[in-house]
C-alpha atoms as a PDB file:
ATOM      1  CA  UNK A   1       6.834  -0.410 -13.606  1.00  0.00           C
ATOM      2  CA  UNK A   2       6.742  -2.640 -16.746  1.00  0.00           C
ATOM      3  CA  UNK A   3       3.834  -5.199 -17.193  1.00  0.00           C
ATOM      4  CA  UNK A   4       6.519  -7.930 -16.145  1.00  0.00           C
ATOM      5  CA  UNK A   5       7.602  -6.573 -13.087  1.00  0.00           C
ATOM      6  CA  UNK A   6       3.631  -6.196 -12.503  1.00  0.00           C
ATOM      7  CA  UNK A   7       3.101  -9.247 -12.954  1.00  0.00           C
ATOM      8  CA  UNK A   8       5.672 -10.723 -10.350  1.00  0.00           C
ATOM      9  CA  UNK A   9       4.007  -8.332  -8.036  1.00  0.00           C
ATOM     10  CA  UNK A  10       0.893  -9.602  -8.108  1.00  0.00           C
ATOM     11  CA  UNK A  11       0.514 -12.324  -5.260  1.00  0.00           C
ATOM     12  CA  UNK A  12       2.866 -10.006  -2.937  1.00  0.00           C
ATOM     13  CA  UNK A  13      -0.272  -7.722  -3.562  1.00  0.00           C
ATOM     14  CA  UNK A  14      -2.650 -10.281  -3.261  1.00  0.00           C
ATOM     15  CA  UNK A  15      -0.678 -11.488   0.222  1.00  0.00           C
ATOM     16  CA  UNK A  16      -0.557  -7.610   1.701  1.00  0.00           C
ATOM     17  CA  UNK A  17       3.127  -8.274   1.104  1.00  0.00           C
ATOM     18  CA  UNK A  18       4.042  -4.837  -0.194  1.00  0.00           C
ATOM     19  CA  UNK A  19       6.186  -2.124   0.843  1.00  0.00           C
ATOM     20  CA  UNK A  20       4.780   1.179   0.786  1.00  0.00           C
ATOM     21  CA  UNK A  21       6.253   2.100  -2.289  1.00  0.00           C
ATOM     22  CA  UNK A  22       5.973  -1.033  -4.379  1.00  0.00           C
ATOM     23  CA  UNK A  23       1.866  -0.685  -3.267  1.00  0.00           C
ATOM     24  CA  UNK A  24       2.068   2.841  -4.645  1.00  0.00           C
ATOM     25  CA  UNK A  25       3.868   2.359  -8.141  1.00  0.00           C
ATOM     26  CA  UNK A  26       1.452  -0.883  -8.367  1.00  0.00           C
ATOM     27  CA  UNK A  27      -1.764   0.743  -7.621  1.00  0.00           C
ATOM     28  CA  UNK A  28      -0.533   3.220 -10.351  1.00  0.00           C
ATOM     29  CA  UNK A  29       0.567   0.799 -12.879  1.00  0.00           C
ATOM     30  CA  UNK A  30      -3.165  -1.264 -12.330  1.00  0.00           C
ATOM     31  CA  UNK A  31      -5.072   1.961 -13.162  1.00  0.00           C
ATOM     32  CA  UNK A  32      -2.976   2.895 -16.088  1.00  0.00           C
ATOM     33  CA  UNK A  33      -2.686  -0.529 -17.828  1.00  0.00           C
ATOM     34  CA  UNK A  34      -5.797  -3.041 -19.030  1.00  0.00           C
ATOM     35  CA  UNK A  35      -3.647  -6.066 -19.708  1.00  0.00           C
ATOM     36  CA  UNK A  36      -2.135  -5.632 -16.093  1.00  0.00           C
ATOM     37  CA  UNK A  37      -5.879  -5.167 -14.731  1.00  0.00           C
ATOM     38  CA  UNK A  38      -6.861  -8.188 -16.837  1.00  0.00           C
ATOM     39  CA  UNK A  39      -4.086 -10.513 -15.501  1.00  0.00           C
ATOM     40  CA  UNK A  40      -4.694  -8.966 -12.007  1.00  0.00           C
ATOM     41  CA  UNK A  41      -8.407 -10.010 -12.474  1.00  0.00           C
ATOM     42  CA  UNK A  42      -7.324 -13.577 -13.452  1.00  0.00           C
ATOM     43  CA  UNK A  43      -5.258 -14.067 -10.732  1.00  0.00           C
ATOM     44  CA  UNK A  44      -7.406 -12.508  -7.699  1.00  0.00           C
ATOM     45  CA  UNK A  45     -10.290 -15.197  -9.679  1.00  0.00           C
ATOM     46  CA  UNK A  46      -8.145 -17.873  -9.003  1.00  0.00           C
ATOM     47  CA  UNK A  47      -6.806 -16.694  -5.642  1.00  0.00           C
ATOM     48  CA  UNK A  48     -10.002 -15.675  -4.082  1.00  0.00           C
ATOM     49  CA  UNK A  49     -12.591 -16.794  -6.234  1.00  0.00           C
ATOM     50  CA  UNK A  50     -11.771 -20.292  -6.319  1.00  0.00           C
ATOM     51  CA  UNK A  51     -11.444 -20.793  -2.239  1.00  0.00           C
ATOM     52  CA  UNK A  52     -15.064 -18.708  -2.261  1.00  0.00           C
ATOM     53  CA  UNK A  53     -16.866 -21.258  -3.971  1.00  0.00           C
ATOM     54  CA  UNK A  54     -15.386 -24.508  -2.985  1.00  0.00           C
ATOM     55  CA  UNK A  55     -16.791 -23.010   0.769  1.00  0.00           C
ATOM     56  CA  UNK A  56     -20.473 -22.554  -1.544  1.00  0.00           C
ATOM     57  CA  UNK A  57     -20.133 -18.606  -0.326  1.00  0.00           C
ATOM     58  CA  UNK A  58     -20.887 -15.776  -3.735  1.00  0.00           C
ATOM     59  CA  UNK A  59     -18.187 -14.419  -5.369  1.00  0.00           C
ATOM     60  CA  UNK A  60     -18.218 -11.035  -7.818  1.00  0.00           C
ATOM     61  CA  UNK A  61     -15.260 -10.860  -8.981  1.00  0.00           C
ATOM     62  CA  UNK A  62     -14.975  -7.809 -10.326  1.00  0.00           C
ATOM     63  CA  UNK A  63     -16.697  -5.906  -6.741  1.00  0.00           C
ATOM     64  CA  UNK A  64     -14.415  -8.006  -4.519  1.00  0.00           C
ATOM     65  CA  UNK A  65     -11.131  -7.139  -6.544  1.00  0.00           C
ATOM     66  CA  UNK A  66     -12.257  -3.328  -6.407  1.00  0.00           C
ATOM     67  CA  UNK A  67     -13.301  -3.601  -2.315  1.00  0.00           C
ATOM     68  CA  UNK A  68      -9.761  -5.446  -2.202  1.00  0.00           C
ATOM     69  CA  UNK A  69      -8.188  -2.669  -4.538  1.00  0.00           C
ATOM     70  CA  UNK A  70      -9.970   0.393  -2.221  1.00  0.00           C
ATOM     71  CA  UNK A  71      -8.771  -1.158   1.125  1.00  0.00           C
ATOM     72  CA  UNK A  72      -4.949  -1.498  -0.366  1.00  0.00           C
ATOM     73  CA  UNK A  73      -5.253   2.272  -1.236  1.00  0.00           C
ATOM     74  CA  UNK A  74      -6.621   3.788   2.398  1.00  0.00           C
ATOM     75  CA  UNK A  75      -3.888   0.842   3.638  1.00  0.00           C
ATOM     76  CA  UNK A  76      -1.219   3.055   1.219  1.00  0.00           C
ATOM     77  CA  UNK A  77      -2.723   6.515   2.743  1.00  0.00           C
ATOM     78  CA  UNK A  78      -2.640   4.904   6.633  1.00  0.00           C
ATOM     79  CA  UNK A  79       1.255   4.109   6.042  1.00  0.00           C
ATOM     80  CA  UNK A  80       1.844   7.332   4.290  1.00  0.00           C
ATOM     81  CA  UNK A  81      -0.254   9.139   7.570  1.00  0.00           C
ATOM     82  CA  UNK A  82       2.435   7.622   9.566  1.00  0.00           C
ATOM     83  CA  UNK A  83       5.154   8.038   8.110  1.00  0.00           C
ATOM     84  CA  UNK A  84       4.545  11.872   8.168  1.00  0.00           C
ATOM     85  CA  UNK A  85       3.740  11.764  11.762  1.00  0.00           C
ATOM     86  CA  UNK A  86       7.047  10.332  12.665  1.00  0.00           C
ATOM     87  CA  UNK A  87       8.813  12.922  10.033  1.00  0.00           C
ATOM     88  CA  UNK A  88       7.094  15.693  11.775  1.00  0.00           C
ATOM     89  CA  UNK A  89       7.785  14.289  15.474  1.00  0.00           C
ATOM     90  CA  UNK A  90      11.488  14.045  14.747  1.00  0.00           C
ATOM     91  CA  UNK A  91      11.209  17.387  13.554  1.00  0.00           C
ATOM     92  CA  UNK A  92       9.623  18.560  16.965  1.00  0.00           C
ATOM     93  CA  UNK A  93      12.031  16.402  18.915  1.00  0.00           C
ATOM     94  CA  UNK A  94      15.248  17.705  16.942  1.00  0.00           C
ATOM     95  CA  UNK A  95      14.209  21.517  17.397  1.00  0.00           C
ATOM     96  CA  UNK A  96      13.498  21.275  20.771  1.00  0.00           C
ATOM     97  CA  UNK A  97      16.313  19.838  21.882  1.00  0.00           C
ATOM     98  CA  UNK A  98      18.474  22.752  19.741  1.00  0.00           C
ATOM     99  CA  UNK A  99      16.193  24.948  21.892  1.00  0.00           C
ATOM    100  CA  UNK A 100      17.488  23.422  25.086  1.00  0.00           C
ATOM    101  CA  UNK A 101      20.885  23.119  23.896  1.00  0.00           C
ATOM    102  CA  UNK A 102      20.924  27.002  23.099  1.00  0.00           C
ATOM    103  CA  UNK A 103      19.213  28.156  26.228  1.00  0.00           C
ATOM    104  CA  UNK A 104      21.868  25.768  28.223  1.00  0.00           C
ATOM    105  CA  UNK A 105      24.769  27.418  25.833  1.00  0.00           C
ATOM    106  CA  UNK A 106      23.291  31.088  26.380  1.00  0.00           C
ATOM    107  CA  UNK A 107      22.341  31.284  29.953  1.00  0.00           C
ATOM    108  CA  UNK A 108      26.000  29.595  31.015  1.00  0.00           C
END
């Protein structure tokens, strides 16, 4: 992912609208690119910070953004776990079908 593509995904990231692949790429890029981290920080400040400040709530942009990114990492991990569970379930179902088919054909 290049910086231009990254910048185009920031709003989708902040609104939790990235699929697993894009979220994984986004999180990997943010860890490697200081310029994009700065851009994300600025947009997060605008997106979240101004709303909180208008409500009179306290806001620590660095801590809150770090917490949000950690939440997104956990969501990505959960999504990947669900995907692996679905794949395992399909494999088990297919194996059971093959075994039943083999038994039916073998005992005829």
